[in-house]
Amino acid sequence: MASAAVKEFTDENFDSEVLQSDTPVLVDFWAPWCGPCRQIAPMIDELANENPSVKIGKINIDENPGIAQQFGISSIPTLLVFAKGEVSESFVGVRPKAALQQALDASIA
């Protein structure tokens, strides 16, 4: 179960929640059948709880294929960091928490 700090993004709210956000946003592209996606879920929860100045959320690519297609997501998990509506960092596959934290720190600076 996702932490309350982790938002659920959809094709319908992605523009307002992510692209128009005043704060940096980490988006986890995932699917329920993806083992590595489930493996990193607790780390995403931790990052959300430890970084209140950054919006962190997930988008289920099975339920929201439009956004996944728009950003060319072909492997999951894929994590994109958005700053001012643009992708500033991208990570494909399971990555260490420290690498994600570094990208979040850079997006705030």
C-alpha atoms as a PDB file:
ATOM      1  CA  MET A   1       0.000   0.000   0.000  1.00  0.00           C
ATOM      2  CA  ALA A   2       1.356   3.397  -0.962  1.00  0.00           C
ATOM      3  CA  SER A   3       2.082   5.994   1.664  1.00  0.00           C
ATOM      4  CA  ALA A   4      -0.358   8.895   1.964  1.00  0.00           C
ATOM      5  CA  ALA A   5       2.550  11.090   0.847  1.00  0.00           C
ATOM      6  CA  VAL A   6       2.669   9.287  -2.534  1.00  0.00           C
ATOM      7  CA  LYS A   7       0.177  10.721  -5.017  1.00  0.00           C
ATOM      8  CA  GLU A   8      -1.667   8.769  -7.697  1.00  0.00           C
ATOM      9  CA  PHE A   9      -1.227  10.344 -11.131  1.00  0.00           C
ATOM     10  CA  THR A  10      -3.521   9.566 -14.068  1.00  0.00           C
ATOM     11  CA  ASP A  11      -3.833  10.539 -17.716  1.00  0.00           C
ATOM     12  CA  GLU A  12      -6.474  13.041 -16.540  1.00  0.00           C
ATOM     13  CA  ASN A  13      -4.501  14.799 -13.764  1.00  0.00           C
ATOM     14  CA  PHE A  14      -0.933  14.496 -15.082  1.00  0.00           C
ATOM     15  CA  ASP A  15      -0.887  17.930 -16.703  1.00  0.00           C
ATOM     16  CA  SER A  16      -2.129  19.780 -13.615  1.00  0.00           C
ATOM     17  CA  GLU A  17      -0.311  17.650 -11.005  1.00  0.00           C
ATOM     18  CA  VAL A  18       3.040  17.209 -12.783  1.00  0.00           C
ATOM     19  CA  LEU A  19       3.599  19.467 -15.785  1.00  0.00           C
ATOM     20  CA  GLN A  20       2.133  22.582 -14.153  1.00  0.00           C
ATOM     21  CA  SER A  21       3.562  21.897 -10.689  1.00  0.00           C
ATOM     22  CA  ASP A  22       5.485  24.709  -8.991  1.00  0.00           C
ATOM     23  CA  THR A  23       7.603  22.120  -7.190  1.00  0.00           C
ATOM     24  CA  PRO A  24       9.739  19.297  -8.609  1.00  0.00           C
ATOM     25  CA  VAL A  25       7.913  16.012  -9.184  1.00  0.00           C
ATOM     26  CA  LEU A  26       9.191  12.424  -9.153  1.00  0.00           C
ATOM     27  CA  VAL A  27       6.947  10.134 -11.208  1.00  0.00           C
ATOM     28  CA  ASP A  28       7.163   6.356 -10.863  1.00  0.00           C
ATOM     29  CA  PHE A  29       5.797   4.616 -13.985  1.00  0.00           C
ATOM     30  CA  TRP A  30       4.740   1.159 -12.809  1.00  0.00           C
ATOM     31  CA  ALA A  31       2.280  -1.737 -13.184  1.00  0.00           C
ATOM     32  CA  PRO A  32       0.880  -4.165 -10.608  1.00  0.00           C
ATOM     33  CA  TRP A  33       2.336  -7.219 -12.403  1.00  0.00           C
ATOM     34  CA  CYS A  34       5.883  -5.772 -12.386  1.00  0.00           C
ATOM     35  CA  GLY A  35       8.027  -7.426  -9.681  1.00  0.00           C
ATOM     36  CA  PRO A  36      10.779  -4.763  -9.672  1.00  0.00           C
ATOM     37  CA  CYS A  37       8.077  -2.068  -9.416  1.00  0.00           C
ATOM     38  CA  ARG A  38       6.736  -3.708  -6.265  1.00  0.00           C
ATOM     39  CA  GLN A  39      10.314  -4.082  -4.995  1.00  0.00           C
ATOM     40  CA  ILE A  40      10.992  -0.314  -5.126  1.00  0.00           C
ATOM     41  CA  ALA A  41       7.567   0.741  -3.773  1.00  0.00           C
ATOM     42  CA  PRO A  42       8.755   0.986  -0.125  1.00  0.00           C
ATOM     43  CA  MET A  43      11.703   3.146  -1.247  1.00  0.00           C
ATOM     44  CA  ILE A  44       9.330   5.478  -3.135  1.00  0.00           C
ATOM     45  CA  ASP A  45       7.235   5.752   0.050  1.00  0.00           C
ATOM     46  CA  GLU A  46      10.370   6.618   2.048  1.00  0.00           C
ATOM     47  CA  LEU A  47      11.433   9.277  -0.448  1.00  0.00           C
ATOM     48  CA  ALA A  48       7.955  10.819  -0.335  1.00  0.00           C
ATOM     49  CA  ASN A  49       7.977  10.955   3.459  1.00  0.00           C
ATOM     50  CA  GLU A  50      11.542  12.320   3.610  1.00  0.00           C
ATOM     51  CA  ASN A  51      11.115  14.986   0.892  1.00  0.00           C
ATOM     52  CA  PRO A  52       8.034  17.073   1.691  1.00  0.00           C
ATOM     53  CA  SER A  53       9.154  19.865  -0.671  1.00  0.00           C
ATOM     54  CA  VAL A  54       8.961  17.495  -3.664  1.00  0.00           C
ATOM     55  CA  LYS A  55       5.794  15.953  -5.084  1.00  0.00           C
ATOM     56  CA  ILE A  56       6.197  12.190  -5.493  1.00  0.00           C
ATOM     57  CA  GLY A  57       3.685   9.962  -7.186  1.00  0.00           C
ATOM     58  CA  LYS A  58       3.005   6.896  -9.260  1.00  0.00           C
ATOM     59  CA  ILE A  59       1.221   6.303 -12.525  1.00  0.00           C
ATOM     60  CA  ASN A  60      -0.073   2.837 -13.410  1.00  0.00           C
ATOM     61  CA  ILE A  61       0.794   2.423 -17.098  1.00  0.00           C
ATOM     62  CA  ASP A  62      -1.877  -0.252 -17.621  1.00  0.00           C
ATOM     63  CA  GLU A  63      -4.626   2.134 -16.504  1.00  0.00           C
ATOM     64  CA  ASN A  64      -3.005   5.268 -17.994  1.00  0.00           C
ATOM     65  CA  PRO A  65      -1.327   4.315 -21.276  1.00  0.00           C
ATOM     66  CA  GLY A  66      -1.546   7.815 -22.770  1.00  0.00           C
ATOM     67  CA  ILE A  67       1.048   9.433 -20.510  1.00  0.00           C
ATOM     68  CA  ALA A  68       3.351   6.415 -20.731  1.00  0.00           C
ATOM     69  CA  GLN A  69       3.195   6.643 -24.521  1.00  0.00           C
ATOM     70  CA  GLN A  70       3.684  10.425 -24.497  1.00  0.00           C
ATOM     71  CA  PHE A  71       6.958  10.020 -22.583  1.00  0.00           C
ATOM     72  CA  GLY A  72       8.121   6.926 -24.477  1.00  0.00           C
ATOM     73  CA  ILE A  73       8.026   4.597 -21.487  1.00  0.00           C
ATOM     74  CA  SER A  74       8.986   1.153 -22.776  1.00  0.00           C
ATOM     75  CA  SER A  75      10.441  -0.441 -19.626  1.00  0.00           C
ATOM     76  CA  ILE A  76       9.247  -0.296 -16.050  1.00  0.00           C
ATOM     77  CA  PRO A  77       9.940   0.765 -13.481  1.00  0.00           C
ATOM     78  CA  THR A  78      10.889   4.092 -15.031  1.00  0.00           C
ATOM     79  CA  LEU A  79      11.239   7.108 -12.771  1.00  0.00           C
ATOM     80  CA  LEU A  80      11.213  10.614 -14.214  1.00  0.00           C
ATOM     81  CA  VAL A  81      12.039  13.777 -12.295  1.00  0.00           C
ATOM     82  CA  PHE A  82      10.189  16.831 -13.610  1.00  0.00           C
ATOM     83  CA  ALA A  83      11.259  20.393 -12.875  1.00  0.00           C
ATOM     84  CA  LYS A  84       9.238  23.290 -14.290  1.00  0.00           C
ATOM     85  CA  GLY A  85       7.275  20.891 -16.507  1.00  0.00           C
ATOM     86  CA  GLU A  86      10.354  19.341 -18.139  1.00  0.00           C
ATOM     87  CA  VAL A  87      12.091  16.003 -17.529  1.00  0.00           C
ATOM     88  CA  SER A  88      15.305  16.776 -15.669  1.00  0.00           C
ATOM     89  CA  GLU A  89      16.339  13.185 -14.816  1.00  0.00           C
ATOM     90  CA  SER A  90      15.282   9.713 -15.848  1.00  0.00           C
ATOM     91  CA  PHE A  91      15.994   6.327 -14.321  1.00  0.00           C
ATOM     92  CA  VAL A  92      15.073   2.973 -15.863  1.00  0.00           C
ATOM     93  CA  GLY A  93      14.994  -0.113 -13.673  1.00  0.00           C
ATOM     94  CA  VAL A  94      15.733  -0.495  -9.989  1.00  0.00           C
ATOM     95  CA  ARG A  95      18.103   2.234  -8.835  1.00  0.00           C
ATOM     96  CA  PRO A  96      19.611   2.958  -5.427  1.00  0.00           C
ATOM     97  CA  LYS A  97      17.728   5.331  -3.178  1.00  0.00           C
ATOM     98  CA  ALA A  98      20.824   7.582  -2.951  1.00  0.00           C
ATOM     99  CA  ALA A  99      20.780   8.156  -6.734  1.00  0.00           C
ATOM    100  CA  LEU A 100      17.132   9.183  -6.628  1.00  0.00           C
ATOM    101  CA  GLN A 101      17.717  11.418  -3.609  1.00  0.00           C
ATOM    102  CA  GLN A 102      20.595  13.124  -5.427  1.00  0.00           C
ATOM    103  CA  ALA A 103      18.335  13.816  -8.426  1.00  0.00           C
ATOM    104  CA  LEU A 104      15.645  15.234  -6.134  1.00  0.00           C
ATOM    105  CA  ASP A 105      18.184  17.436  -4.354  1.00  0.00           C
ATOM    106  CA  ALA A 106      19.444  18.735  -7.712  1.00  0.00           C
ATOM    107  CA  SER A 107      15.890  19.503  -8.859  1.00  0.00           C
ATOM    108  CA  ILE A 108      15.278  21.674  -5.793  1.00  0.00           C
ATOM    109  CA  ALA A 109      18.527  23.648  -6.128  1.00  0.00           C
END
